[in-house]
Amino acid sequence: MRILLVSHHYAPENNAPQRRWSALVPRLRDLGNEVVVFAPPPHYPTGTLDDPRGEHAVGSTSRGQHGETVHRVRFREHGPGLRSRSADQGVAALDTVWRALVRLRHRADRPDVVVSTAPGLPSLFAGWVLALVWRVPHVVEMRDAWPDLIHASGVLHDGRRTVSLKRRVATRAADRAVTWVQRRAAAVVTTTDAFAEVLRSRGMRRVEVVRNGAPVDAVPALERPRDEGGLHVLYVGTVGRSQGLETAVEAAAAARALGIDVRLRIVGGGALHSELQALASTLGAPVEFVGRVLAGKVPEHYVWADTVLVSLRDWPPFAWTVPSKLYEALAVGRHISAAVTGEAAHLVSGTGAGTVVPPGDVEALVTLWGELADDRTLLSTPSTGREWARANAGFAELAASYDALLREVVR
């Protein structure tokens, strides 16, 4: 097949949507497919392009790392606000439609199927228009519970006590438009069973689950944690609003105040990185901030860890979400401190891979870490989690599932 991917994020950016497709694309190519990507130049998370004249400049066409063809579309520099980011996504979606129709105007260049992935949500409409013009199937990928997360996160308030009437009307129209596009897709792909059920209840004619996955084959199972010493807690991933990591920082400070020998290491970056550093400094919390690291350096942090923290806020849509880093933590076999609900919580408890506590509950985290520090035998977990991850979250199997789905909708 010739697969056209419409995405707002692509390599060399380093974020969850990009990592998903950087893992799927080479495996889809290994299965005999041609992949063509339309995406803006890398500008995450700053909102600006560092080198506007480089190989990823607007209007450029290049060969990706895995042999895919990447066309770069126009974007708009943006700040942290919802309106600014939405404008950026809208500009990119409009330019995607125009450039794709021009670049792929010859029949021999046109795709067999269009896949559009959110975020951003305007990419879904760009994919729908292109599929409609070329009369090919359109597959919508909802990597997270969008647009539900926008409402749950509170970003619509933009610092105000109430949401303006204009913004309420606009977001309600956007919600209905997203549902409209989803219902007209040949298939909707989501990453969890829970969100798939939500979408089916909204009238989607076909919903399939292709999980986020993790490089489970490249992550060796680690030896059992150390027998003595202070408790090492590791967080690896995005440092943003969704993760609620201020709870972990406060718990580390409270545990230290109670005489519990605990140390929290946060590996990653994001919008709240500086804010969390300031909080840790104010509280005198035993927290080490490493920042972003190359993928090849992550395993050494897992070796350091006694337990891996997986954290999300207690927002209703997160009950339908499983963070991709949870699959990685399952694969390495470390104990997991899971401050999550819903499907992610069931996965941790069902595999015996760790302990689940309520999100945002400082006292529960302090209690858990105190118990783990006092009795290190609790850190040993069965192989069930590793076996589940290798059976259900390996990218080779996920790419094969995606390939089968796309071939079916094309037929």
Protein backbone atom coordinates (compact mmCIF):
# COMPACT_ATOMS: atom_id res chain seq x y z
CA MET A 1 0.00 0.00 0.00
CA ARG A 2 0.88 3.65 -0.29
CA ILE A 3 0.00 5.16 3.11
CA LEU A 4 -0.36 8.92 3.58
CA LEU A 5 0.14 10.05 7.19
CA VAL A 6 -1.10 13.50 8.26
CA SER A 7 0.44 14.45 11.59
CA HIS A 8 1.25 17.62 13.49
CA HIS A 9 4.31 15.96 15.09
CA TYR A 10 7.08 14.02 13.43
CA ALA A 11 10.78 13.24 13.81
CA PRO A 12 13.17 14.67 14.81
CA GLU A 13 10.78 15.93 17.48
CA ASN A 14 10.84 13.87 20.66
CA ASN A 15 7.35 13.45 22.03
CA ALA A 16 4.80 10.67 22.38
CA PRO A 17 3.03 11.02 18.96
CA GLN A 18 6.39 11.18 17.17
CA ARG A 19 7.82 8.19 19.03
CA ARG A 20 4.76 6.11 18.15
CA TRP A 21 5.11 6.72 14.42
CA SER A 22 8.91 6.54 14.43
CA ALA A 23 8.42 2.98 15.70
CA LEU A 24 5.53 2.05 13.39
CA VAL A 25 6.83 3.50 10.10
CA PRO A 26 9.93 1.27 9.69
CA ARG A 27 7.87 -1.82 10.48
CA LEU A 28 5.12 -0.82 8.05
CA ARG A 29 7.83 -0.33 5.43
CA ASP A 30 9.25 -3.75 6.25
CA LEU A 31 5.81 -5.14 5.44
CA GLY A 32 6.10 -3.74 1.92
CA ASN A 33 4.31 -0.41 2.29
CA GLU A 34 5.28 3.03 1.04
CA VAL A 35 4.79 5.79 3.62
CA VAL A 36 4.38 9.48 2.77
CA VAL A 37 4.18 12.01 5.62
CA PHE A 38 2.88 15.59 5.66
CA ALA A 39 3.89 17.40 8.86
CA PRO A 40 5.17 20.83 9.92
CA PRO A 41 8.86 21.34 10.72
CA PRO A 42 9.90 20.23 14.22
CA HIS A 43 8.82 22.97 16.63
CA TYR A 44 7.83 21.08 19.78
CA PRO A 45 7.89 22.03 22.64
CA THR A 46 9.12 25.61 22.14
CA GLY A 47 6.67 26.54 19.38
CA THR A 48 9.52 27.93 17.28
CA LEU A 49 11.78 26.47 14.59
CA ASP A 50 15.46 26.61 15.51
CA ASP A 51 16.83 26.38 11.94
CA PRO A 52 14.32 27.69 9.35
CA ARG A 53 16.73 26.99 6.46
CA GLY A 54 17.59 23.40 7.36
CA GLU A 55 16.46 20.14 5.76
CA HIS A 56 13.16 20.34 7.68
CA ALA A 57 12.26 23.82 6.43
CA VAL A 58 8.73 24.66 5.26
CA GLY A 59 8.20 23.40 1.73
CA SER A 60 11.05 20.88 1.81
CA THR A 61 10.76 17.22 0.84
CA SER A 62 13.23 14.78 2.33
CA ARG A 63 13.83 11.09 2.88
CA GLY A 64 13.10 10.12 6.47
CA GLN A 65 15.26 7.93 8.64
CA HIS A 66 13.30 4.83 7.66
CA GLY A 67 12.95 5.51 3.94
CA GLU A 68 9.63 7.35 4.15
CA THR A 69 9.00 10.57 2.18
CA VAL A 70 8.44 13.61 4.42
CA HIS A 71 6.86 16.83 3.12
CA ARG A 72 7.10 19.81 5.48
CA VAL A 73 4.11 22.15 5.64
CA ARG A 74 3.62 25.66 6.94
CA PHE A 75 3.07 26.26 10.66
CA ARG A 76 2.55 29.20 13.01
CA GLU A 77 4.86 29.94 15.89
CA HIS A 78 2.92 29.59 19.10
CA GLY A 79 3.01 30.08 22.84
CA PRO A 80 1.64 27.88 25.63
CA GLY A 81 -1.99 29.04 25.30
CA LEU A 82 -4.75 26.92 23.76
CA ARG A 83 -5.72 29.58 21.22
CA SER A 84 -2.14 30.00 20.02
CA ARG A 85 -1.54 26.25 19.68
CA SER A 86 -4.88 25.73 17.96
CA ALA A 87 -4.02 28.42 15.41
CA ASP A 88 -0.73 26.67 14.71
CA GLN A 89 -2.51 23.35 14.17
CA GLY A 90 -5.09 24.98 11.91
CA VAL A 91 -2.44 26.62 9.72
CA ALA A 92 -0.61 23.32 9.37
CA ALA A 93 -3.80 21.44 8.46
CA LEU A 94 -4.80 23.95 5.78
CA ASP A 95 -1.34 23.96 4.26
CA THR A 96 -1.28 20.14 4.34
CA VAL A 97 -4.37 20.00 2.14
CA TRP A 98 -2.97 22.48 -0.36
CA ARG A 99 0.52 20.98 -0.58
CA ALA A 100 -0.71 17.40 -0.73
CA LEU A 101 -3.08 18.17 -3.61
CA VAL A 102 -0.23 19.88 -5.49
CA ARG A 103 2.56 17.42 -4.69
CA LEU A 104 0.43 14.32 -5.29
CA ARG A 105 -1.58 15.61 -8.24
CA HIS A 106 -0.54 12.75 -10.50
CA ARG A 107 -2.65 9.63 -10.10
CA ALA A 108 0.43 7.41 -9.70
CA ASP A 109 1.49 9.41 -6.60
CA ARG A 110 -1.82 9.25 -4.77
CA PRO A 111 -2.21 7.11 -1.65
CA ASP A 112 -4.34 4.03 -1.16
CA VAL A 113 -5.33 5.18 2.34
CA VAL A 114 -5.06 8.37 4.42
CA VAL A 115 -4.27 8.16 8.15
CA SER A 116 -4.66 11.34 10.21
CA THR A 117 -3.60 11.40 13.83
CA ALA A 118 -4.50 13.64 16.77
CA PRO A 119 -3.26 15.80 18.32
CA GLY A 120 -3.74 18.19 16.66
CA LEU A 121 -7.40 17.89 15.95
CA PRO A 122 -7.31 19.97 12.70
CA SER A 123 -5.16 17.20 11.18
CA LEU A 124 -8.26 14.98 11.21
CA PHE A 125 -10.10 17.41 8.93
CA ALA A 126 -7.13 17.69 6.58
CA GLY A 127 -7.10 13.90 6.28
CA TRP A 128 -10.86 13.79 5.66
CA VAL A 129 -10.65 16.38 2.85
CA LEU A 130 -7.78 14.58 1.11
CA ALA A 131 -9.46 11.18 1.37
CA LEU A 132 -12.70 12.67 0.02
CA VAL A 133 -10.99 14.30 -2.98
CA TRP A 134 -9.03 11.16 -3.86
CA ARG A 135 -11.88 8.76 -2.97
CA VAL A 136 -9.75 6.60 -0.71
CA PRO A 137 -10.43 5.36 2.85
CA HIS A 138 -9.74 7.69 5.77
CA VAL A 139 -8.52 6.25 9.07
CA VAL A 140 -8.70 8.53 12.11
CA GLU A 141 -6.24 7.89 14.93
CA MET A 142 -7.14 9.17 18.39
CA ARG A 143 -3.91 8.61 20.29
CA ASP A 144 -5.40 10.07 23.47
CA ALA A 145 -8.90 10.92 24.65
CA TRP A 146 -9.31 14.07 22.57
CA PRO A 147 -11.23 16.37 22.72
CA ASP A 148 -12.39 15.17 26.16
CA LEU A 149 -9.00 16.01 27.69
CA ILE A 150 -9.33 19.65 26.66
CA HIS A 151 -12.44 20.00 28.84
CA ALA A 152 -11.02 18.00 31.74
CA SER A 153 -7.72 19.90 31.82
CA GLY A 154 -9.30 23.29 32.45
CA VAL A 155 -7.31 25.00 29.68
CA LEU A 156 -10.56 26.46 28.34
CA HIS A 157 -10.67 28.69 31.42
CA ASP A 158 -7.30 30.20 30.47
CA GLY A 159 -6.81 31.45 34.03
CA ARG A 160 -10.36 32.79 34.36
CA ARG A 161 -12.96 31.60 36.84
CA THR A 162 -15.53 30.86 34.12
CA VAL A 163 -15.36 30.01 30.42
CA SER A 164 -16.62 32.74 28.12
CA LEU A 165 -19.76 32.15 26.02
CA LYS A 166 -17.76 32.59 22.82
CA ARG A 167 -15.26 29.93 23.85
CA ARG A 168 -18.02 27.54 25.00
CA VAL A 169 -19.79 27.83 21.64
CA ALA A 170 -16.56 27.36 19.71
CA THR A 171 -15.49 24.28 21.64
CA ARG A 172 -18.95 22.71 21.42
CA ALA A 173 -18.84 23.18 17.66
CA ALA A 174 -15.34 21.68 17.54
CA ASP A 175 -16.47 18.66 19.58
CA ARG A 176 -19.35 18.00 17.22
CA ALA A 177 -17.11 18.45 14.18
CA VAL A 178 -14.58 15.91 15.51
CA THR A 179 -17.37 13.40 16.16
CA TRP A 180 -18.72 14.04 12.66
CA VAL A 181 -15.34 13.26 11.08
CA GLN A 182 -14.90 10.16 13.25
CA ARG A 183 -18.28 8.77 12.21
CA ARG A 184 -17.39 9.16 8.53
CA ALA A 185 -14.01 7.46 8.81
CA ALA A 186 -13.49 3.97 7.45
CA ALA A 187 -12.07 3.18 10.90
CA VAL A 188 -11.13 4.96 14.11
CA VAL A 189 -7.97 3.76 15.83
CA THR A 190 -7.51 4.28 19.55
CA THR A 191 -4.86 3.08 21.96
CA THR A 192 -6.97 1.60 24.78
CA ASP A 193 -9.95 -0.71 25.10
CA ALA A 194 -11.67 1.75 27.44
CA PHE A 195 -11.61 4.69 25.00
CA ALA A 196 -12.62 2.36 22.17
CA GLU A 197 -15.80 1.56 24.11
CA VAL A 198 -16.46 5.27 24.63
CA LEU A 199 -16.14 5.94 20.90
CA ARG A 200 -18.38 3.02 20.01
CA SER A 201 -21.03 4.46 22.35
CA ARG A 202 -20.84 7.68 20.30
CA GLY A 203 -21.84 5.92 17.11
CA MET A 204 -18.51 5.19 15.42
CA ARG A 205 -19.07 2.44 12.87
CA ARG A 206 -15.69 0.78 13.35
CA VAL A 207 -13.22 1.25 16.21
CA GLU A 208 -9.98 -0.73 16.49
CA VAL A 209 -7.34 -0.75 19.25
CA VAL A 210 -3.65 -0.40 18.35
CA ARG A 211 -1.87 0.33 21.62
CA ASN A 212 0.81 2.97 22.07
CA GLY A 213 3.40 0.30 22.73
CA ALA A 214 7.02 0.49 23.81
CA PRO A 215 10.37 -0.86 22.58
CA VAL A 216 9.88 -3.94 24.74
CA ASP A 217 12.24 -6.09 22.67
CA ALA A 218 15.04 -3.57 23.13
CA VAL A 219 14.54 -3.27 26.90
CA PRO A 220 16.14 -6.15 28.76
CA ALA A 221 14.53 -7.44 31.94
CA LEU A 222 16.60 -6.07 34.81
CA GLU A 223 17.99 -7.97 37.74
CA ARG A 224 16.20 -7.65 41.06
CA PRO A 225 16.64 -4.27 42.81
CA ARG A 226 19.28 -3.62 45.43
CA ASP A 227 18.90 -5.29 48.84
CA GLU A 228 19.71 -2.21 50.88
CA GLY A 229 20.03 1.56 50.84
CA GLY A 230 17.52 4.36 50.39
CA LEU A 231 14.51 3.98 48.13
CA HIS A 232 15.14 5.19 44.56
CA VAL A 233 11.98 6.39 42.79
CA LEU A 234 12.23 7.08 39.05
CA TYR A 235 9.92 9.04 36.78
CA VAL A 236 10.62 8.98 33.03
CA GLY A 237 8.47 10.94 30.60
CA THR A 238 6.79 14.26 29.93
CA VAL A 239 6.84 16.84 32.72
CA GLY A 240 3.55 18.61 32.05
CA ARG A 241 0.16 19.41 33.53
CA SER A 242 -1.32 16.01 32.75
CA GLN A 243 1.14 14.11 34.92
CA GLY A 244 0.47 15.89 38.22
CA LEU A 245 4.07 15.46 39.36
CA GLU A 246 3.77 18.11 42.05
CA THR A 247 2.13 15.35 44.12
CA ALA A 248 5.29 13.23 43.82
CA VAL A 249 7.55 16.17 44.74
CA GLU A 250 5.42 16.95 47.80
CA ALA A 251 5.37 13.26 48.76
CA ALA A 252 9.16 13.04 48.52
CA ALA A 253 9.49 16.06 50.82
CA ALA A 254 6.92 14.68 53.29
CA ALA A 255 8.60 11.27 53.30
CA ARG A 256 11.99 12.79 54.01
CA ALA A 257 10.46 14.82 56.87
CA LEU A 258 9.21 11.56 58.40
CA GLY A 259 12.69 10.06 58.24
CA ILE A 260 12.03 7.88 55.18
CA ASP A 261 15.17 7.60 53.07
CA VAL A 262 13.72 8.26 49.62
CA ARG A 263 15.10 9.94 46.52
CA LEU A 264 13.03 10.92 43.48
CA ARG A 265 14.66 11.27 40.04
CA ILE A 266 12.69 12.97 37.23
CA VAL A 267 13.98 12.26 33.72
CA GLY A 268 12.30 14.29 30.98
CA GLY A 269 11.17 17.79 30.14
CA GLY A 270 8.00 19.74 29.59
CA ALA A 271 5.98 22.83 30.38
CA LEU A 272 6.14 22.43 34.18
CA HIS A 273 9.81 21.48 34.50
CA SER A 274 10.95 24.83 35.93
CA GLU A 275 7.86 25.09 38.12
CA LEU A 276 8.54 21.68 39.69
CA GLN A 277 12.19 22.58 40.27
CA ALA A 278 11.09 25.68 42.13
CA LEU A 279 8.61 23.65 44.20
CA ALA A 280 11.27 21.08 45.11
CA SER A 281 13.66 23.83 46.13
CA THR A 282 11.01 25.53 48.30
CA LEU A 283 10.11 22.27 50.06
CA GLY A 284 13.66 21.00 50.32
CA ALA A 285 12.49 17.83 48.58
CA PRO A 286 15.04 15.12 47.70
CA VAL A 287 14.41 15.38 43.95
CA GLU A 288 16.95 15.19 41.14
CA PHE A 289 15.98 16.71 37.78
CA VAL A 290 17.87 15.15 34.89
CA GLY A 291 16.03 16.72 31.95
CA ARG A 292 15.64 15.11 28.54
CA VAL A 293 18.01 12.27 27.66
CA LEU A 294 18.61 10.21 24.54
CA ALA A 295 16.63 6.97 24.32
CA GLY A 296 19.84 4.97 24.66
CA LYS A 297 20.50 6.53 28.08
CA VAL A 298 17.12 5.63 29.60
CA PRO A 299 18.02 2.03 30.60
CA GLU A 300 20.74 3.21 32.99
CA HIS A 301 18.10 5.14 34.92
CA TYR A 302 15.94 2.02 35.19
CA VAL A 303 18.98 0.22 36.61
CA TRP A 304 19.26 2.95 39.26
CA ALA A 305 15.56 2.70 40.21
CA ASP A 306 13.87 0.57 42.86
CA THR A 307 10.37 1.59 41.78
CA VAL A 308 9.10 3.42 38.68
CA LEU A 309 6.50 6.16 39.12
CA VAL A 310 3.68 6.34 36.56
CA SER A 311 1.47 9.33 37.26
CA LEU A 312 -1.59 10.99 35.72
CA ARG A 313 -4.07 13.47 37.14
CA ASP A 314 -7.48 12.34 38.29
CA TRP A 315 -9.23 13.64 35.17
CA PRO A 316 -12.08 11.41 33.91
CA PRO A 317 -10.59 10.91 30.39
CA PHE A 318 -7.42 9.48 31.95
CA ALA A 319 -9.47 6.47 33.05
CA TRP A 320 -9.39 5.61 29.32
CA THR A 321 -5.64 6.20 28.97
CA VAL A 322 -2.57 4.00 29.36
CA PRO A 323 0.72 5.97 29.23
CA SER A 324 3.26 4.42 26.85
CA LYS A 325 5.89 4.58 29.59
CA LEU A 326 3.80 2.12 31.60
CA TYR A 327 4.42 -0.52 28.94
CA GLU A 328 8.15 0.19 29.14
CA ALA A 329 8.10 -0.08 32.94
CA LEU A 330 6.29 -3.41 32.66
CA ALA A 331 8.92 -4.66 30.22
CA VAL A 332 11.90 -3.87 32.46
CA GLY A 333 10.27 -5.58 35.41
CA ARG A 334 10.77 -2.90 38.04
CA HIS A 335 8.13 -2.36 40.72
CA ILE A 336 5.67 0.34 39.60
CA SER A 337 4.27 3.08 41.85
CA ALA A 338 1.11 3.78 39.85
CA ALA A 339 -0.82 6.98 40.62
CA VAL A 340 -3.45 6.26 37.97
CA THR A 341 -7.06 5.12 37.56
CA GLY A 342 -9.08 3.14 35.07
CA GLU A 343 -7.48 0.87 32.48
CA ALA A 344 -3.91 1.74 33.54
CA ALA A 345 -4.68 0.90 37.18
CA HIS A 346 -6.28 -2.41 36.20
CA LEU A 347 -3.24 -3.28 34.11
CA VAL A 348 -0.80 -2.73 36.99
CA SER A 349 -2.88 -4.53 39.59
CA GLY A 350 -3.91 -7.31 37.23
CA THR A 351 -0.31 -8.20 36.35
CA GLY A 352 0.96 -7.78 39.91
CA ALA A 353 3.56 -5.35 38.57
CA GLY A 354 3.27 -2.82 41.37
CA THR A 355 0.98 -0.87 43.67
CA VAL A 356 -1.82 1.50 42.69
CA VAL A 357 -2.57 4.66 44.71
CA PRO A 358 -5.15 7.39 44.02
CA PRO A 359 -3.83 10.20 41.77
CA GLY A 360 -3.07 13.41 43.63
CA ASP A 361 -2.92 11.70 47.03
CA VAL A 362 0.32 12.78 48.72
CA GLU A 363 -0.34 10.76 51.87
CA ALA A 364 -0.93 7.55 49.89
CA LEU A 365 2.39 7.94 48.06
CA VAL A 366 4.24 8.63 51.32
CA THR A 367 2.70 5.52 52.87
CA LEU A 368 3.60 3.39 49.86
CA TRP A 369 7.19 4.57 49.67
CA GLY A 370 7.58 4.14 53.43
CA GLU A 371 6.43 0.52 53.16
CA LEU A 372 8.76 -0.17 50.24
CA ALA A 373 11.71 1.39 52.09
CA ASP A 374 10.97 -0.66 55.23
CA ASP A 375 10.44 -3.97 53.42
CA ARG A 376 12.45 -4.24 50.22
CA THR A 377 11.01 -7.66 49.45
CA LEU A 378 7.89 -5.78 48.31
CA LEU A 379 9.95 -4.46 45.38
CA SER A 380 10.16 -7.90 43.79
CA THR A 381 7.45 -8.42 41.18
CA PRO A 382 6.41 -11.49 39.20
CA SER A 383 7.26 -11.93 35.53
CA THR A 384 3.59 -11.45 34.60
CA GLY A 385 4.02 -7.79 33.72
CA ARG A 386 6.99 -8.43 31.42
CA GLU A 387 5.14 -11.27 29.71
CA TRP A 388 2.05 -9.10 29.18
CA ALA A 389 4.10 -6.24 27.70
CA ARG A 390 5.93 -8.49 25.27
CA ALA A 391 2.70 -10.14 24.16
CA ASN A 392 0.61 -6.97 23.83
CA ALA A 393 2.82 -3.89 23.51
CA GLY A 394 5.64 -4.83 21.12
CA PHE A 395 5.86 -2.55 18.08
CA ALA A 396 6.31 -5.43 15.64
CA GLU A 397 2.95 -6.91 16.65
CA LEU A 398 1.27 -3.49 16.73
CA ALA A 399 2.54 -2.62 13.24
CA ALA A 400 1.28 -5.94 11.93
CA SER A 401 -2.15 -5.18 13.40
CA TYR A 402 -2.14 -1.70 11.84
CA ASP A 403 -1.08 -3.14 8.48
CA ALA A 404 -3.90 -5.70 8.57
CA LEU A 405 -6.46 -3.01 9.41
CA LEU A 406 -5.31 -0.69 6.62
CA ARG A 407 -5.28 -3.48 4.05
CA GLU A 408 -8.80 -4.43 5.05
CA VAL A 409 -10.22 -0.91 4.71
CA VAL A 410 -8.44 -0.51 1.35
CA ARG A 411 -10.01 -3.76 0.10
